[in-house]
């Protein structure tokens, strides 16, 4: 029984201590519960902020990627503009070279053997035709000169006859005789 008495005393002591410290225990428990609730709120705020930070970090990295891409594209555009300027200069040089080659080709085609031979053959044909025409004209000229000489001789003979007839007529009737100019005109 001794142990039962002791046990009862211990229980009474516990109840006394509880009664005495229950208010403090309740206050401490309320403070712990409030701290836990505050901790839960702070944890929720931290989680929300962490989520926002992650979003912003993602957006910032996307923004950085876009900015990097823009810088790369800008540099690439500058490089392409430089290349285009070089290509334009090269194109102008090539156009000048092409014009020079065309001129050279033009002068070389003037001396194209096949065309020159064709032109030579055509020129020979034209020359032959002109020579034939010239020969026929020469023959016609020679014939017309012969005819002229014959006609001049006839005119001279006729004039001689005219003067003889005029001389014979002068002795008969000098006023009726036609003059030499009229006879040559006739």
Protein backbone atom coordinates (compact mmCIF):
# COMPACT_ATOMS: atom_id res chain seq x y z
CA UNK A 1 0.00 0.00 0.00
CA UNK A 2 2.82 2.13 0.46
CA UNK A 3 3.28 2.30 -3.16
CA UNK A 4 -0.38 3.14 -3.65
CA UNK A 5 -0.03 6.01 -1.22
CA UNK A 6 2.97 7.20 -2.96
CA UNK A 7 1.33 6.90 -6.24
CA UNK A 8 -1.62 8.93 -4.99
CA UNK A 9 0.70 11.58 -3.68
CA UNK A 10 2.47 11.75 -6.96
CA UNK A 11 -0.83 12.10 -8.76
CA UNK A 12 -1.94 14.84 -6.41
CA UNK A 13 1.35 16.59 -6.91
CA UNK A 14 0.94 16.30 -10.61
CA UNK A 15 -2.56 17.79 -10.44
CA UNK A 16 -1.33 20.61 -8.27
CA UNK A 17 1.52 21.31 -10.60
CA UNK A 18 -0.85 21.13 -13.47
CA UNK A 19 -3.27 23.49 -11.90
CA UNK A 20 -0.45 25.81 -11.06
CA UNK A 21 1.32 25.63 -14.43
CA UNK A 22 -1.64 24.85 -16.67
CA UNK A 23 -2.14 28.49 -17.47
CA UNK A 24 1.50 28.81 -18.45
CA UNK A 25 1.31 25.57 -20.45
CA UNK A 26 -1.81 26.79 -22.22
CA UNK A 27 -0.15 30.14 -22.94
CA UNK A 28 2.95 28.36 -24.20
CA UNK A 29 0.83 26.02 -26.34
CA UNK A 30 -1.10 29.01 -27.76
CA UNK A 31 2.19 30.77 -28.46
CA UNK A 32 3.51 27.61 -30.17
CA UNK A 33 0.31 27.29 -32.22
CA UNK A 34 0.45 30.98 -33.18
CA UNK A 35 4.12 30.63 -34.09
CA UNK A 36 3.32 27.54 -36.16
CA UNK A 37 0.46 29.40 -37.92
CA UNK A 38 2.74 32.37 -38.52
CA UNK A 39 5.42 30.00 -39.78
CA UNK A 40 2.88 28.41 -42.15
CA UNK A 41 1.86 31.89 -43.43
CA UNK A 42 5.49 32.87 -43.86
CA UNK A 43 6.17 29.58 -45.62
CA UNK A 44 3.22 30.25 -47.97
CA UNK A 45 4.57 33.77 -48.61
CA UNK A 46 8.05 32.35 -49.22
CA UNK A 47 6.65 29.72 -51.58
CA UNK A 48 4.70 32.41 -53.46
CA UNK A 49 7.78 34.63 -53.66
CA UNK A 50 9.91 31.68 -54.76
CA UNK A 51 7.38 30.91 -57.48
CA UNK A 52 7.41 34.58 -58.55
CA UNK A 53 11.21 34.60 -58.53
CA UNK A 54 11.30 31.46 -60.64
CA UNK A 55 8.83 33.01 -63.07
CA UNK A 56 10.80 36.22 -63.23
CA UNK A 57 14.04 34.27 -63.59
CA UNK A 58 12.52 32.35 -66.47
CA UNK A 59 11.27 35.55 -68.04
CA UNK A 60 14.60 37.24 -67.40
CA UNK A 61 16.47 34.37 -68.98
CA UNK A 62 14.02 34.50 -71.90
CA UNK A 63 14.60 38.25 -72.11
CA UNK A 64 18.34 37.71 -71.96
CA UNK A 65 18.08 35.07 -74.66
CA UNK A 66 16.04 37.44 -76.83
CA UNK A 67 18.48 40.28 -76.21
CA UNK A 68 21.42 37.98 -77.02
CA UNK A 69 19.64 36.82 -80.15
CA UNK A 70 18.95 40.45 -81.12
CA UNK A 71 22.62 41.33 -80.64
CA UNK A 72 23.65 38.33 -82.72
CA UNK A 73 21.15 39.23 -85.45
CA UNK A 74 22.29 42.87 -85.37
CA UNK A 75 25.93 41.80 -85.73
CA UNK A 76 24.96 39.38 -88.46
CA UNK A 77 23.01 42.13 -90.28
CA UNK A 78 26.04 44.43 -90.01
CA UNK A 79 28.27 41.69 -91.40
CA UNK A 80 25.81 41.03 -94.22
CA UNK A 81 25.68 44.74 -95.04
CA UNK A 82 29.47 44.78 -95.21
CA UNK A 83 29.43 41.72 -97.47
CA UNK A 84 26.75 43.34 -99.65
CA UNK A 85 28.87 46.47 -99.99
CA UNK A 86 31.85 44.28 -100.96
CA UNK A 87 29.71 42.35 -103.43
CA UNK A 88 28.38 45.59 -104.96
CA UNK A 89 31.94 46.82 -105.42
CA UNK A 90 32.92 43.47 -106.90
CA UNK A 91 29.85 43.58 -109.16
CA UNK A 92 30.87 47.02 -110.45
CA UNK A 93 34.38 45.75 -111.10
CA UNK A 94 33.01 42.69 -112.86
CA UNK A 95 30.67 44.85 -114.95
CA UNK A 96 33.63 46.98 -116.02
CA UNK A 97 35.59 43.83 -116.82
CA UNK A 98 32.60 42.48 -118.74
CA UNK A 99 32.36 45.69 -120.77
CA UNK A 100 36.07 45.43 -121.57
CA UNK A 101 35.69 41.78 -122.55
CA UNK A 102 32.69 42.64 -124.72
CA UNK A 103 34.72 45.35 -126.47
CA UNK A 104 37.56 42.92 -126.97
CA UNK A 105 35.13 40.28 -128.21
CA UNK A 106 33.60 42.83 -130.56
CA UNK A 107 36.99 43.67 -132.04
CA UNK A 108 37.88 39.99 -132.23
CA UNK A 109 34.63 39.13 -133.96
CA UNK A 110 35.47 41.77 -136.55
CA UNK A 111 38.41 39.55 -137.43
CA UNK A 112 36.42 36.32 -137.35
CA UNK A 113 38.04 34.15 -140.08
CA UNK A 114 34.82 32.51 -141.20
CA UNK A 115 33.02 35.81 -141.44
CA UNK A 116 36.02 37.49 -143.07
CA UNK A 117 36.19 34.69 -145.65
CA UNK A 118 32.48 35.04 -146.28
CA UNK A 119 32.90 38.81 -146.63
CA UNK A 120 35.93 38.26 -148.88
CA UNK A 121 33.94 35.89 -151.07
CA UNK A 122 31.06 38.36 -151.20
CA UNK A 123 33.50 41.18 -151.99
CA UNK A 124 35.09 39.09 -154.74
CA UNK A 125 31.66 38.44 -156.24
CA UNK A 126 30.80 42.13 -156.10
CA UNK A 127 34.18 43.02 -157.59
CA UNK A 128 33.68 40.47 -160.37
CA UNK A 129 30.23 41.92 -161.08
CA UNK A 130 31.65 45.43 -161.08
CA UNK A 131 34.46 44.34 -163.40
CA UNK A 132 31.93 42.77 -165.77
CA UNK A 133 29.84 45.93 -165.60
CA UNK A 134 32.98 48.02 -166.11
CA UNK A 135 34.04 45.88 -169.08
CA UNK A 136 30.61 46.18 -170.65
CA UNK A 137 30.65 49.94 -170.00
CA UNK A 138 34.19 50.09 -171.46
CA UNK A 139 32.99 48.22 -174.52
CA UNK A 140 30.00 50.51 -174.80
CA UNK A 141 32.32 53.53 -174.40
CA UNK A 142 34.68 52.18 -177.02
CA UNK A 143 31.78 51.54 -179.38
CA UNK A 144 30.30 54.98 -178.73
CA UNK A 145 33.73 56.57 -179.36
CA UNK A 146 34.01 54.64 -182.60
CA UNK A 147 30.51 55.74 -183.53
CA UNK A 148 31.40 59.31 -182.56
CA UNK A 149 34.57 59.16 -184.64
CA UNK A 150 32.60 57.79 -187.57
CA UNK A 151 29.94 60.45 -187.10
CA UNK A 152 32.58 63.20 -186.79
CA UNK A 153 34.17 61.96 -189.98
CA UNK A 154 30.82 62.00 -191.70
CA UNK A 155 30.18 65.50 -190.33
CA UNK A 156 33.60 66.59 -191.57
CA UNK A 157 32.91 65.06 -194.97
CA UNK A 158 29.53 66.69 -195.09
CA UNK A 159 31.04 70.01 -194.07
CA UNK A 160 33.69 69.61 -196.76
CA UNK A 161 31.00 68.87 -199.28
CA UNK A 162 29.06 71.78 -197.97
CA UNK A 163 31.98 74.13 -198.35
CA UNK A 164 32.56 72.87 -201.86
CA UNK A 165 28.98 73.37 -202.74
CA UNK A 166 29.05 76.72 -201.00
CA UNK A 167 32.15 77.76 -202.91
CA UNK A 168 30.51 76.76 -206.16
CA UNK A 169 27.33 78.51 -205.11
CA UNK A 170 29.24 81.61 -203.94
CA UNK A 171 30.38 82.25 -207.38
CA UNK A 172 26.83 82.01 -208.58
CA UNK A 173 24.86 83.68 -205.77
CA UNK A 174 26.71 84.73 -202.67
CA UNK A 175 23.64 86.09 -200.86
CA UNK A 176 21.58 82.93 -201.27
CA UNK A 177 24.28 80.60 -199.88
CA UNK A 178 23.86 79.47 -196.28
CA UNK A 179 26.68 80.20 -193.96
CA UNK A 180 29.03 77.52 -192.59
CA UNK A 181 27.41 77.68 -189.18
CA UNK A 182 24.01 76.93 -190.67
CA UNK A 183 25.42 74.01 -192.66
CA UNK A 184 27.05 72.46 -189.56
CA UNK A 185 23.81 72.92 -187.66
CA UNK A 186 21.94 71.11 -190.40
